[in-house]
Each structure stands twice: as structure tokens, then as C-alpha cells.
Amino acid sequence: MSLTTPEDIVIPQTTSEPSVQTTPEPAVKTIRSGPCDGVVHLGKCYLVSLHTITDVNYYEAVAMCIKMSAKPADIIDSQQYELVFKYIRTLMFSTYATLWLAMTIDHSTNRVLLSNGAAAPYIHYIPGEPTKTETYTQIAIAVANPSRSSQGMFNAERSYSNNGVLCQKE
């Protein structure tokens, strides 16, 4: 026979006021359903591989993600953008870092595309970007610590050197 204590009883609360749902501020947190050494957004784990110097081209960035059983990440909304920028700042060695993303720009249509080929629903360029050079097709992010206006997304050639990569695990 089991006994029920007052702490075990849940009484639904009713109120005459309408409920308002608010979106909480993005916070750095870990996944509970599996290992994630980074941050989680919409069920995906985002990890960073970051070097102290700018010596990582896009092809090396892909290999860095594969070593973590991941792939370069897409940025899909403003909440994820803010979340990963806060996370990256906790890992930075200096006041400015650049990291590769999976996203690309199609200069013929001037559209930014996610890794699956769909149009990117969220873009936040550094003022003055994107560069119109046809070979600058890969998207990366520049993160400043502390935050300032000269940060955000930019496009570059895949041979360009950045500090690292933002990766995602499903």
C-alpha cells in the first residue's frame, strides 16, 4: 500500500486572468537527453572548435566538425544567433573571433541558403556585408567580446582563414 503525502498532490490552478506566454532569454545550457558540451537550441547541440589564431579554412572546419561527430552549423533564427554568440564569447581567447558556418550565398539570386538548400530564414550581416565577389560563397560569423555593431555574418572564400567553426549535432 502506498501513502500519498501532500507534496504528491497537484491541484490545477485556475485564474480569471488570461495566461501570457513569454519567451525566456536564451541561456547557456546543456542537453539532458544526451551528451552536449555546447549549447542546445530546438533539440540540436551546437559546439565550437576555436583556435587562438586565424588558421582554419572551410575544408579544415568541416573536418573539425566531423571529429566531433557533427557538421558545420546553420543559423536559423535570432534566438539561436544570440545563444551561440553568448556561448562563443565564453570560449574566446581575444576580443574578436571568426567562425565558419554551413550556410552559403548564391550571388546570382543574392539569397543565403542553409546547408539543406532552403532559403535562410534569418540573416544578420556585419554592416557593409555581403561582399559581392563571386567566389565569396561561404558564410561565417564574426563575434566580438564585448558585443558591438561590427559583428555578425559575412561571406568569404572557402580558402579564407578563420579562428574556427560552429558545429551542430542532431
Protein backbone atom coordinates (compact mmCIF):
# COMPACT_ATOMS: atom_id res chain seq x y z
CA MET A 1 0.00 0.00 0.00
CA SER A 2 1.36 3.44 -0.87
CA LEU A 3 0.70 6.57 1.07
CA THR A 4 0.10 9.91 -0.62
CA THR A 5 1.70 12.90 1.01
CA PRO A 6 0.53 16.48 0.46
CA GLU A 7 3.64 17.08 -1.71
CA ASP A 8 2.46 14.32 -4.10
CA ILE A 9 -0.86 16.00 -4.81
CA VAL A 10 -1.01 18.51 -7.66
CA ILE A 11 -4.02 20.80 -7.73
CA PRO A 12 -4.55 22.64 -11.01
CA GLN A 13 -4.53 26.39 -10.54
CA THR A 14 -7.31 28.38 -12.14
CA THR A 15 -7.38 32.09 -12.63
CA SER A 16 -9.72 34.54 -14.25
CA GLU A 17 -6.78 36.35 -15.89
CA PRO A 18 -5.63 35.23 -19.34
CA SER A 19 -2.29 33.47 -19.37
CA VAL A 20 0.57 35.12 -21.19
CA GLN A 21 3.41 33.04 -22.53
CA THR A 22 6.77 34.74 -22.71
CA THR A 23 9.89 33.59 -24.46
CA PRO A 24 12.74 33.30 -21.97
CA GLU A 25 16.10 34.88 -22.66
CA PRO A 26 18.48 32.46 -24.40
CA ALA A 27 20.78 30.90 -21.85
CA VAL A 28 23.76 28.61 -21.99
CA LYS A 29 22.57 25.15 -21.02
CA THR A 30 23.33 21.53 -21.67
CA ILE A 31 21.16 18.88 -23.23
CA ARG A 32 19.54 16.35 -20.89
CA SER A 33 18.76 13.59 -23.39
CA GLY A 34 22.38 13.01 -24.33
CA PRO A 35 25.86 14.47 -24.22
CA CYS A 36 26.33 18.07 -25.37
CA ASP A 37 29.41 20.03 -24.43
CA GLY A 38 27.97 23.17 -26.00
CA VAL A 39 24.51 24.74 -26.10
CA VAL A 40 21.15 23.37 -27.22
CA HIS A 41 18.56 25.07 -29.41
CA LEU A 42 15.44 23.32 -30.70
CA GLY A 43 16.87 19.91 -29.83
CA LYS A 44 20.21 20.36 -31.62
CA CYS A 45 23.56 20.57 -29.89
CA TYR A 46 25.87 23.38 -31.02
CA LEU A 47 29.61 23.06 -30.40
CA VAL A 48 32.56 25.29 -31.18
CA SER A 49 36.08 24.42 -32.23
CA LEU A 50 38.12 27.58 -31.79
CA HIS A 51 41.80 28.36 -32.42
CA THR A 52 43.76 31.29 -30.99
CA ILE A 53 44.88 32.32 -34.50
CA THR A 54 43.07 32.56 -37.83
CA ASP A 55 44.31 29.37 -39.47
CA VAL A 56 41.15 27.39 -40.32
CA ASN A 57 39.83 27.30 -43.88
CA TYR A 58 36.35 25.93 -44.61
CA TYR A 59 37.58 22.44 -45.57
CA GLU A 60 39.51 22.15 -42.30
CA ALA A 61 36.41 23.41 -40.45
CA VAL A 62 34.34 20.56 -41.91
CA ALA A 63 36.98 18.06 -40.75
CA MET A 64 36.98 19.62 -37.27
CA CYS A 65 33.21 19.11 -37.00
CA ILE A 66 33.44 15.53 -38.27
CA LYS A 67 35.96 14.78 -35.48
CA MET A 68 33.19 15.81 -33.03
CA SER A 69 30.60 13.66 -34.87
CA ALA A 70 28.98 16.86 -36.07
CA LYS A 71 28.73 19.10 -39.15
CA PRO A 72 29.07 22.85 -39.71
CA ALA A 73 26.00 24.64 -38.35
CA ASP A 74 23.28 26.80 -39.84
CA ILE A 75 21.85 29.83 -38.01
CA ILE A 76 18.05 29.58 -38.26
CA ASP A 77 16.66 32.32 -36.02
CA SER A 78 17.52 35.28 -33.79
CA GLN A 79 17.25 33.21 -30.60
CA GLN A 80 19.85 30.72 -31.83
CA TYR A 81 22.06 33.57 -33.07
CA GLU A 82 22.04 35.22 -29.62
CA LEU A 83 22.51 31.88 -27.84
CA VAL A 84 25.56 30.80 -29.84
CA PHE A 85 27.13 34.26 -29.70
CA LYS A 86 26.88 34.23 -25.88
CA TYR A 87 28.33 30.71 -25.81
CA ILE A 88 31.20 31.60 -28.17
CA ARG A 89 32.12 34.61 -26.01
CA THR A 90 32.69 32.25 -23.06
CA LEU A 91 35.31 30.39 -25.13
CA MET A 92 37.11 33.27 -26.85
CA PHE A 93 40.83 33.94 -26.38
CA SER A 94 40.61 37.56 -27.55
CA THR A 95 38.05 40.29 -28.16
CA TYR A 96 37.22 39.14 -31.73
CA ALA A 97 36.85 35.73 -33.38
CA THR A 98 35.57 34.46 -36.73
CA LEU A 99 33.94 31.06 -37.26
CA TRP A 100 32.68 29.16 -40.29
CA LEU A 101 29.02 28.20 -40.77
CA ALA A 102 27.43 25.72 -43.21
CA MET A 103 25.39 28.46 -44.92
CA THR A 104 26.23 29.75 -48.40
CA ILE A 105 25.28 32.73 -50.54
CA ASP A 106 24.08 32.37 -54.13
CA HIS A 107 25.28 35.57 -55.81
CA SER A 108 23.04 35.05 -58.86
CA THR A 109 19.92 35.32 -56.66
CA ASN A 110 21.51 37.18 -53.72
CA ARG A 111 19.97 34.56 -51.40
CA VAL A 112 21.59 32.93 -48.39
CA LEU A 113 20.97 29.20 -48.24
CA LEU A 114 21.01 26.70 -45.39
CA SER A 115 23.04 23.51 -45.73
CA ASN A 116 19.91 21.69 -46.98
CA GLY A 117 19.46 24.20 -49.84
CA ALA A 118 16.46 26.02 -48.32
CA ALA A 119 16.45 29.82 -48.08
CA ALA A 120 17.89 31.01 -44.77
CA PRO A 121 15.08 32.36 -42.58
CA TYR A 122 17.45 34.56 -40.56
CA ILE A 123 20.47 36.63 -41.62
CA HIS A 124 22.33 39.22 -39.55
CA TYR A 125 25.18 40.71 -41.57
CA ILE A 126 28.05 42.82 -40.34
CA PRO A 127 27.41 46.35 -41.65
CA GLY A 128 28.71 46.54 -45.24
CA GLU A 129 28.30 42.84 -45.98
CA PRO A 130 27.80 40.73 -48.04
CA THR A 131 30.80 41.11 -50.31
CA LYS A 132 29.72 40.89 -53.96
CA THR A 133 32.81 38.92 -55.08
CA GLU A 134 31.51 35.80 -56.88
CA THR A 135 33.97 33.43 -55.17
CA TYR A 136 32.91 34.60 -51.68
CA THR A 137 30.18 31.97 -51.28
CA GLN A 138 30.65 30.64 -47.74
CA ILE A 139 29.04 32.32 -44.74
CA ALA A 140 30.91 32.84 -41.47
CA ILE A 141 30.31 34.81 -38.28
CA ALA A 142 32.41 37.41 -36.52
CA VAL A 143 31.90 37.55 -32.75
CA ALA A 144 33.03 40.46 -30.63
CA ASN A 145 33.56 40.38 -26.87
CA PRO A 146 32.12 42.61 -25.61
CA SER A 147 29.32 42.77 -28.17
CA ARG A 148 29.46 45.61 -30.71
CA SER A 149 27.93 46.56 -34.05
CA SER A 150 30.84 45.23 -36.12
CA GLN A 151 29.83 41.62 -35.56
CA GLY A 152 27.52 39.24 -37.37
CA MET A 153 27.57 37.27 -40.60
CA PHE A 154 29.87 37.81 -43.56
CA ASN A 155 30.78 35.90 -46.70
CA ALA A 156 34.23 34.72 -47.72
CA GLU A 157 36.08 32.32 -49.99
CA ARG A 158 36.37 28.81 -48.58
CA SER A 159 40.16 29.19 -48.57
CA TYR A 160 39.92 32.22 -46.23
CA SER A 161 41.26 31.62 -42.71
CA ASN A 162 39.00 31.98 -39.65
CA ASN A 163 39.52 31.09 -35.98
CA GLY A 164 37.27 28.04 -36.09
CA VAL A 165 33.81 26.65 -36.74
CA LEU A 166 30.36 26.41 -35.21
CA CYS A 167 29.22 22.78 -35.45
CA GLN A 168 25.86 21.12 -34.88
CA LYS A 169 24.87 17.64 -33.76
CA GLU A 170 21.37 16.36 -34.47
